[in-house]
Amino acid sequence: MSAGPVVGIVLVSHSARVAESVAELARGLAAGGAVAPVAAAGGDADGGLGTSAERILAAAAAVDRGAGVALLADLGSSVLTVKALLADGDLPAGSRLLDAPFLEGAVAALVAASAGAPLDAVSAAATEAYEYRKS
């Protein structure tokens, strides 16, 4: 990872445990050097299943290193909440919702960000995860 600005990653899930587990897996698979910042934003404000704008905002602020923030969301209200935060301009400058599979996209995004890739390349890497075939 370069010493300059780096893309941060936020994983938005309806479940705190899912978001944290995917972040842990991505960190482990991206290891081998410095790993870009990644934060989990899962669950509702009370810790149950759901989506919390406050958790998303806090996670984005925590990983913002000046090169943009890539957000991956699992489904439904997580996607809608991120879209609303982007539309309202509440997220850090350069924030982007990535259209990518949650797990595979998170790993690909974190590997690219950790290599110092800019936001466009991080987004492309995550999106390419749709093409991974298991058979």
N, C-alpha and C. Protein backbone atom coordinates (compact mmCIF):
# COMPACT_ATOMS: atom_id res chain seq x y z
N MET A 1 0.85 -1.18 0.00
CA MET A 1 0.00 0.00 0.00
C MET A 1 0.89 1.23 0.00
N SER A 2 0.49 2.24 -0.77
CA SER A 2 1.27 3.46 -0.84
C SER A 2 1.15 4.25 0.45
N ALA A 3 2.10 5.16 0.66
CA ALA A 3 2.10 5.97 1.87
C ALA A 3 1.13 7.13 1.77
N GLY A 4 0.64 7.45 0.57
CA GLY A 4 -0.27 8.57 0.37
C GLY A 4 -1.71 8.19 0.68
N PRO A 5 -2.64 8.99 0.17
CA PRO A 5 -4.06 8.70 0.39
C PRO A 5 -4.43 7.32 -0.14
N VAL A 6 -5.33 6.67 0.54
CA VAL A 6 -5.75 5.33 0.17
C VAL A 6 -7.27 5.24 0.26
N VAL A 7 -7.86 4.41 -0.59
CA VAL A 7 -9.30 4.21 -0.57
C VAL A 7 -9.67 3.40 0.66
N GLY A 8 -10.69 3.86 1.36
CA GLY A 8 -11.24 3.12 2.50
C GLY A 8 -12.45 2.31 2.05
N ILE A 9 -12.71 1.24 2.76
CA ILE A 9 -13.81 0.33 2.41
C ILE A 9 -14.79 0.26 3.58
N VAL A 10 -16.10 0.36 3.28
CA VAL A 10 -17.15 0.19 4.29
C VAL A 10 -18.06 -0.93 3.83
N LEU A 11 -18.31 -1.87 4.72
CA LEU A 11 -19.19 -3.01 4.44
C LEU A 11 -20.49 -2.82 5.20
N VAL A 12 -21.58 -2.64 4.46
CA VAL A 12 -22.89 -2.36 5.04
C VAL A 12 -23.77 -3.60 4.92
N SER A 13 -24.16 -4.14 6.06
CA SER A 13 -25.01 -5.33 6.08
C SER A 13 -26.14 -5.15 7.07
N HIS A 14 -27.17 -5.93 6.91
CA HIS A 14 -28.27 -5.93 7.87
C HIS A 14 -27.85 -6.56 9.19
N SER A 15 -26.73 -7.25 9.19
CA SER A 15 -26.24 -7.95 10.37
C SER A 15 -24.84 -7.46 10.73
N ALA A 16 -24.67 -7.03 11.96
CA ALA A 16 -23.35 -6.61 12.42
C ALA A 16 -22.36 -7.76 12.32
N ARG A 17 -22.80 -8.96 12.69
CA ARG A 17 -21.90 -10.12 12.65
C ARG A 17 -21.47 -10.45 11.23
N VAL A 18 -22.38 -10.34 10.27
CA VAL A 18 -22.02 -10.61 8.87
C VAL A 18 -21.01 -9.57 8.39
N ALA A 19 -21.29 -8.29 8.62
CA ALA A 19 -20.38 -7.24 8.17
C ALA A 19 -19.00 -7.41 8.80
N GLU A 20 -18.95 -7.70 10.09
CA GLU A 20 -17.67 -7.87 10.78
C GLU A 20 -16.93 -9.11 10.28
N SER A 21 -17.66 -10.19 10.02
CA SER A 21 -17.03 -11.42 9.53
C SER A 21 -16.47 -11.25 8.12
N VAL A 22 -17.21 -10.56 7.26
CA VAL A 22 -16.72 -10.31 5.90
C VAL A 22 -15.49 -9.40 5.95
N ALA A 23 -15.51 -8.40 6.82
CA ALA A 23 -14.34 -7.53 6.98
C ALA A 23 -13.13 -8.33 7.46
N GLU A 24 -13.35 -9.23 8.42
CA GLU A 24 -12.25 -10.06 8.93
C GLU A 24 -11.69 -10.97 7.84
N LEU A 25 -12.57 -11.58 7.06
CA LEU A 25 -12.13 -12.46 5.98
C LEU A 25 -11.36 -11.67 4.93
N ALA A 26 -11.88 -10.51 4.54
CA ALA A 26 -11.21 -9.69 3.53
C ALA A 26 -9.83 -9.26 4.02
N ARG A 27 -9.74 -8.84 5.30
CA ARG A 27 -8.44 -8.45 5.86
C ARG A 27 -7.46 -9.61 5.78
N GLY A 28 -7.92 -10.79 6.14
CA GLY A 28 -7.05 -11.96 6.14
C GLY A 28 -6.58 -12.33 4.75
N LEU A 29 -7.46 -12.21 3.76
CA LEU A 29 -7.09 -12.56 2.39
C LEU A 29 -6.27 -11.47 1.71
N ALA A 30 -6.38 -10.24 2.19
CA ALA A 30 -5.61 -9.13 1.61
C ALA A 30 -4.26 -8.97 2.30
N ALA A 31 -4.04 -9.71 3.36
CA ALA A 31 -2.81 -9.57 4.15
C ALA A 31 -1.58 -9.94 3.31
N GLY A 32 -0.45 -9.55 3.79
CA GLY A 32 0.79 -9.79 3.09
C GLY A 32 1.56 -8.48 3.03
N GLY A 33 0.97 -7.48 3.53
CA GLY A 33 1.54 -6.14 3.57
C GLY A 33 0.56 -5.27 4.32
N ALA A 34 0.67 -3.99 4.13
CA ALA A 34 -0.27 -3.08 4.77
C ALA A 34 -1.65 -3.27 4.13
N VAL A 35 -2.67 -3.24 4.94
CA VAL A 35 -4.05 -3.43 4.47
C VAL A 35 -4.79 -2.10 4.59
N ALA A 36 -5.50 -1.75 3.52
CA ALA A 36 -6.29 -0.52 3.51
C ALA A 36 -7.33 -0.57 4.63
N PRO A 37 -7.79 0.59 5.08
CA PRO A 37 -8.78 0.60 6.15
C PRO A 37 -10.13 0.05 5.68
N VAL A 38 -10.69 -0.81 6.50
CA VAL A 38 -12.01 -1.38 6.21
C VAL A 38 -12.81 -1.37 7.51
N ALA A 39 -14.09 -1.02 7.40
CA ALA A 39 -14.94 -0.95 8.58
C ALA A 39 -16.28 -1.61 8.28
N ALA A 40 -16.82 -2.26 9.29
CA ALA A 40 -18.13 -2.89 9.21
C ALA A 40 -19.19 -1.92 9.73
N ALA A 41 -20.30 -1.84 9.01
CA ALA A 41 -21.43 -1.02 9.43
C ALA A 41 -22.67 -1.89 9.32
N GLY A 42 -22.86 -2.74 10.32
CA GLY A 42 -23.95 -3.69 10.25
C GLY A 42 -24.94 -3.53 11.37
N GLY A 43 -26.17 -3.89 11.07
CA GLY A 43 -27.22 -3.88 12.07
C GLY A 43 -27.84 -2.51 12.27
N ASP A 44 -28.93 -2.51 13.04
CA ASP A 44 -29.61 -1.25 13.32
C ASP A 44 -28.99 -0.58 14.55
N ALA A 45 -29.53 0.56 14.93
CA ALA A 45 -28.97 1.35 16.03
C ALA A 45 -28.99 0.60 17.35
N ASP A 46 -29.89 -0.37 17.49
CA ASP A 46 -29.99 -1.14 18.74
C ASP A 46 -29.22 -2.45 18.70
N GLY A 47 -28.52 -2.71 17.60
CA GLY A 47 -27.72 -3.92 17.50
C GLY A 47 -28.46 -5.09 16.88
N GLY A 48 -29.72 -4.89 16.51
CA GLY A 48 -30.48 -5.96 15.87
C GLY A 48 -30.29 -5.93 14.37
N LEU A 49 -31.06 -6.76 13.69
CA LEU A 49 -31.00 -6.79 12.23
C LEU A 49 -31.61 -5.50 11.68
N GLY A 50 -30.96 -4.93 10.68
CA GLY A 50 -31.46 -3.71 10.07
C GLY A 50 -30.31 -2.88 9.56
N THR A 51 -30.59 -1.62 9.29
CA THR A 51 -29.59 -0.71 8.73
C THR A 51 -29.60 0.58 9.52
N SER A 52 -28.43 1.11 9.81
CA SER A 52 -28.29 2.34 10.58
C SER A 52 -27.46 3.35 9.81
N ALA A 53 -28.09 4.47 9.45
CA ALA A 53 -27.35 5.54 8.78
C ALA A 53 -26.20 6.02 9.65
N GLU A 54 -26.41 6.09 10.95
CA GLU A 54 -25.37 6.57 11.86
C GLU A 54 -24.16 5.64 11.84
N ARG A 55 -24.39 4.35 11.81
CA ARG A 55 -23.27 3.40 11.75
C ARG A 55 -22.51 3.52 10.44
N ILE A 56 -23.24 3.73 9.35
CA ILE A 56 -22.60 3.89 8.05
C ILE A 56 -21.74 5.15 8.03
N LEU A 57 -22.30 6.25 8.53
CA LEU A 57 -21.55 7.51 8.57
C LEU A 57 -20.30 7.40 9.43
N ALA A 58 -20.42 6.75 10.58
CA ALA A 58 -19.26 6.59 11.47
C ALA A 58 -18.19 5.72 10.82
N ALA A 59 -18.61 4.65 10.15
CA ALA A 59 -17.65 3.76 9.49
C ALA A 59 -16.95 4.49 8.35
N ALA A 60 -17.70 5.25 7.57
CA ALA A 60 -17.10 5.99 6.45
C ALA A 60 -16.10 7.02 6.96
N ALA A 61 -16.44 7.71 8.02
CA ALA A 61 -15.51 8.69 8.59
C ALA A 61 -14.25 8.00 9.11
N ALA A 62 -14.41 6.81 9.66
CA ALA A 62 -13.28 6.08 10.24
C ALA A 62 -12.28 5.60 9.19
N VAL A 63 -12.75 5.30 7.97
CA VAL A 63 -11.85 4.76 6.94
C VAL A 63 -11.42 5.79 5.91
N ASP A 64 -11.96 6.99 5.98
CA ASP A 64 -11.64 8.02 5.00
C ASP A 64 -10.19 8.47 5.15
N ARG A 65 -9.38 8.20 4.12
CA ARG A 65 -7.97 8.59 4.11
C ARG A 65 -7.65 9.52 2.95
N GLY A 66 -8.71 10.11 2.35
CA GLY A 66 -8.50 11.12 1.33
C GLY A 66 -8.53 10.65 -0.11
N ALA A 67 -8.69 9.36 -0.36
CA ALA A 67 -8.72 8.85 -1.73
C ALA A 67 -10.09 8.31 -2.11
N GLY A 68 -11.07 8.54 -1.26
CA GLY A 68 -12.42 8.05 -1.51
C GLY A 68 -12.78 6.91 -0.58
N VAL A 69 -14.07 6.67 -0.50
CA VAL A 69 -14.59 5.58 0.32
C VAL A 69 -15.49 4.72 -0.56
N ALA A 70 -15.16 3.44 -0.64
CA ALA A 70 -15.96 2.48 -1.40
C ALA A 70 -16.89 1.77 -0.43
N LEU A 71 -18.18 1.83 -0.72
CA LEU A 71 -19.17 1.18 0.14
C LEU A 71 -19.78 0.00 -0.59
N LEU A 72 -19.82 -1.14 0.08
CA LEU A 72 -20.50 -2.32 -0.45
C LEU A 72 -21.65 -2.63 0.49
N ALA A 73 -22.82 -2.88 -0.08
CA ALA A 73 -24.01 -3.14 0.73
C ALA A 73 -24.60 -4.49 0.36
N ASP A 74 -25.21 -5.16 1.36
CA ASP A 74 -25.71 -6.49 1.06
C ASP A 74 -27.01 -6.48 0.28
N LEU A 75 -28.06 -5.81 0.73
CA LEU A 75 -29.32 -5.85 0.01
C LEU A 75 -30.31 -4.84 0.57
N GLY A 76 -31.40 -4.65 -0.15
CA GLY A 76 -32.54 -3.87 0.31
C GLY A 76 -32.23 -2.53 0.95
N SER A 77 -32.60 -2.42 2.23
CA SER A 77 -32.48 -1.13 2.91
C SER A 77 -31.04 -0.69 3.10
N SER A 78 -30.08 -1.60 3.10
CA SER A 78 -28.68 -1.16 3.18
C SER A 78 -28.31 -0.37 1.94
N VAL A 79 -28.72 -0.87 0.78
CA VAL A 79 -28.44 -0.18 -0.47
C VAL A 79 -29.17 1.16 -0.48
N LEU A 80 -30.45 1.15 -0.12
CA LEU A 80 -31.24 2.38 -0.13
C LEU A 80 -30.69 3.42 0.84
N THR A 81 -30.22 2.99 2.00
CA THR A 81 -29.68 3.92 2.98
C THR A 81 -28.39 4.56 2.46
N VAL A 82 -27.52 3.75 1.87
CA VAL A 82 -26.29 4.30 1.31
C VAL A 82 -26.62 5.28 0.18
N LYS A 83 -27.56 4.92 -0.69
CA LYS A 83 -27.95 5.82 -1.78
C LYS A 83 -28.47 7.14 -1.23
N ALA A 84 -29.28 7.09 -0.17
CA ALA A 84 -29.82 8.31 0.42
C ALA A 84 -28.71 9.17 1.01
N LEU A 85 -27.76 8.54 1.70
CA LEU A 85 -26.64 9.29 2.29
C LEU A 85 -25.78 9.93 1.20
N LEU A 86 -25.59 9.23 0.09
CA LEU A 86 -24.85 9.80 -1.03
C LEU A 86 -25.61 10.98 -1.64
N ALA A 87 -26.91 10.80 -1.86
CA ALA A 87 -27.73 11.86 -2.46
C ALA A 87 -27.76 13.11 -1.59
N ASP A 88 -27.75 12.92 -0.27
CA ASP A 88 -27.80 14.05 0.65
C ASP A 88 -26.43 14.68 0.87
N GLY A 89 -25.37 14.04 0.35
CA GLY A 89 -24.02 14.57 0.52
C GLY A 89 -23.47 14.39 1.92
N ASP A 90 -23.99 13.39 2.64
CA ASP A 90 -23.57 13.18 4.03
C ASP A 90 -22.27 12.38 4.18
N LEU A 91 -21.91 11.63 3.16
CA LEU A 91 -20.71 10.80 3.23
C LEU A 91 -19.48 11.62 2.81
N PRO A 92 -18.28 11.16 3.18
CA PRO A 92 -17.07 11.89 2.80
C PRO A 92 -16.98 12.08 1.29
N ALA A 93 -16.31 13.15 0.87
CA ALA A 93 -16.10 13.41 -0.56
C ALA A 93 -15.45 12.19 -1.20
N GLY A 94 -15.92 11.85 -2.38
CA GLY A 94 -15.34 10.71 -3.10
C GLY A 94 -15.92 9.37 -2.67
N SER A 95 -17.03 9.39 -1.94
CA SER A 95 -17.66 8.12 -1.55
C SER A 95 -18.46 7.57 -2.71
N ARG A 96 -18.46 6.25 -2.83
CA ARG A 96 -19.17 5.60 -3.93
C ARG A 96 -19.73 4.26 -3.48
N LEU A 97 -20.99 4.00 -3.84
CA LEU A 97 -21.60 2.68 -3.64
C LEU A 97 -21.18 1.81 -4.80
N LEU A 98 -20.57 0.67 -4.50
CA LEU A 98 -20.11 -0.23 -5.54
C LEU A 98 -21.17 -1.27 -5.87
N ASP A 99 -21.38 -1.52 -7.14
CA ASP A 99 -22.30 -2.56 -7.60
C ASP A 99 -21.48 -3.83 -7.72
N ALA A 100 -21.45 -4.59 -6.64
CA ALA A 100 -20.60 -5.77 -6.58
C ALA A 100 -21.18 -6.78 -5.60
N PRO A 101 -20.84 -8.05 -5.76
CA PRO A 101 -21.27 -9.04 -4.77
C PRO A 101 -20.62 -8.70 -3.42
N PHE A 102 -21.36 -8.91 -2.36
CA PHE A 102 -20.91 -8.45 -1.05
C PHE A 102 -19.59 -9.09 -0.61
N LEU A 103 -19.51 -10.39 -0.55
CA LEU A 103 -18.30 -11.06 -0.06
C LEU A 103 -17.15 -10.97 -1.06
N GLU A 104 -17.36 -11.46 -2.26
CA GLU A 104 -16.28 -11.47 -3.24
C GLU A 104 -15.86 -10.05 -3.61
N GLY A 105 -16.83 -9.15 -3.70
CA GLY A 105 -16.52 -7.76 -4.01
C GLY A 105 -15.72 -7.10 -2.91
N ALA A 106 -16.05 -7.43 -1.66
CA ALA A 106 -15.31 -6.86 -0.52
C ALA A 106 -13.85 -7.28 -0.56
N VAL A 107 -13.61 -8.54 -0.82
CA VAL A 107 -12.24 -9.04 -0.89
C VAL A 107 -11.49 -8.38 -2.04
N ALA A 108 -12.10 -8.35 -3.22
CA ALA A 108 -11.44 -7.75 -4.38
C ALA A 108 -11.18 -6.26 -4.15
N ALA A 109 -12.14 -5.55 -3.57
CA ALA A 109 -11.97 -4.11 -3.31
C ALA A 109 -10.85 -3.88 -2.32
N LEU A 110 -10.80 -4.67 -1.26
CA LEU A 110 -9.77 -4.46 -0.24
C LEU A 110 -8.38 -4.80 -0.77
N VAL A 111 -8.28 -5.84 -1.56
CA VAL A 111 -6.98 -6.19 -2.16
C VAL A 111 -6.51 -5.04 -3.06
N ALA A 112 -7.40 -4.52 -3.90
CA ALA A 112 -7.03 -3.43 -4.80
C ALA A 112 -6.66 -2.17 -4.02
N ALA A 113 -7.48 -1.83 -3.02
CA ALA A 113 -7.20 -0.63 -2.22
C ALA A 113 -5.88 -0.78 -1.47
N SER A 114 -5.62 -1.96 -0.97
CA SER A 114 -4.38 -2.20 -0.23
C SER A 114 -3.16 -2.09 -1.12
N ALA A 115 -3.34 -2.32 -2.43
CA ALA A 115 -2.24 -2.17 -3.38
C ALA A 115 -2.08 -0.72 -3.81
N GLY A 116 -2.93 0.16 -3.27
CA GLY A 116 -2.82 1.58 -3.59
C GLY A 116 -3.62 2.02 -4.79
N ALA A 117 -4.53 1.17 -5.26
CA ALA A 117 -5.34 1.50 -6.43
C ALA A 117 -6.27 2.68 -6.14
N PRO A 118 -6.53 3.51 -7.16
CA PRO A 118 -7.49 4.60 -6.98
C PRO A 118 -8.92 4.06 -6.95
N LEU A 119 -9.86 4.90 -6.58
CA LEU A 119 -11.25 4.48 -6.41
C LEU A 119 -11.82 3.82 -7.66
N ASP A 120 -11.54 4.35 -8.85
CA ASP A 120 -12.07 3.73 -10.07
C ASP A 120 -11.58 2.30 -10.22
N ALA A 121 -10.33 2.04 -9.91
CA ALA A 121 -9.78 0.69 -10.03
C ALA A 121 -10.31 -0.22 -8.93
N VAL A 122 -10.51 0.31 -7.73
CA VAL A 122 -11.12 -0.46 -6.63
C VAL A 122 -12.53 -0.86 -7.03
N SER A 123 -13.27 0.08 -7.59
CA SER A 123 -14.63 -0.20 -8.05
C SER A 123 -14.64 -1.26 -9.14
N ALA A 124 -13.75 -1.15 -10.09
CA ALA A 124 -13.67 -2.13 -11.18
C ALA A 124 -13.33 -3.51 -10.65
N ALA A 125 -12.40 -3.60 -9.72
CA ALA A 125 -12.02 -4.90 -9.15
C ALA A 125 -13.21 -5.55 -8.45
N ALA A 126 -13.95 -4.76 -7.69
CA ALA A 126 -15.11 -5.29 -6.97
C ALA A 126 -16.19 -5.74 -7.95
N THR A 127 -16.44 -4.94 -8.96
CA THR A 127 -17.47 -5.27 -9.95
C THR A 127 -17.10 -6.52 -10.73
N GLU A 128 -15.82 -6.69 -11.04
CA GLU A 128 -15.37 -7.88 -11.76
C GLU A 128 -15.63 -9.17 -10.98
N ALA A 129 -15.86 -9.05 -9.69
CA ALA A 129 -16.14 -10.24 -8.89
C ALA A 129 -17.43 -10.91 -9.33
N TYR A 130 -18.32 -10.19 -10.02
CA TYR A 130 -19.52 -10.83 -10.58
C TYR A 130 -19.16 -11.91 -11.57
N GLU A 131 -17.99 -11.80 -12.19
CA GLU A 131 -17.58 -12.75 -13.22
C GLU A 131 -16.92 -14.01 -12.66
N TYR A 132 -16.64 -14.06 -11.38
CA TYR A 132 -16.02 -15.24 -10.79
C TYR A 132 -17.01 -16.40 -10.88
N ARG A 133 -16.58 -17.45 -11.49
CA ARG A 133 -17.43 -18.63 -11.63
C ARG A 133 -16.90 -19.75 -10.74
N LYS A 134 -17.80 -20.50 -10.16
CA LYS A 134 -17.41 -21.56 -9.24
C LYS A 134 -17.57 -22.95 -9.86
N SER A 135 -17.92 -22.96 -11.12
CA SER A 135 -18.00 -24.26 -11.81
C SER A 135 -17.49 -24.14 -13.21
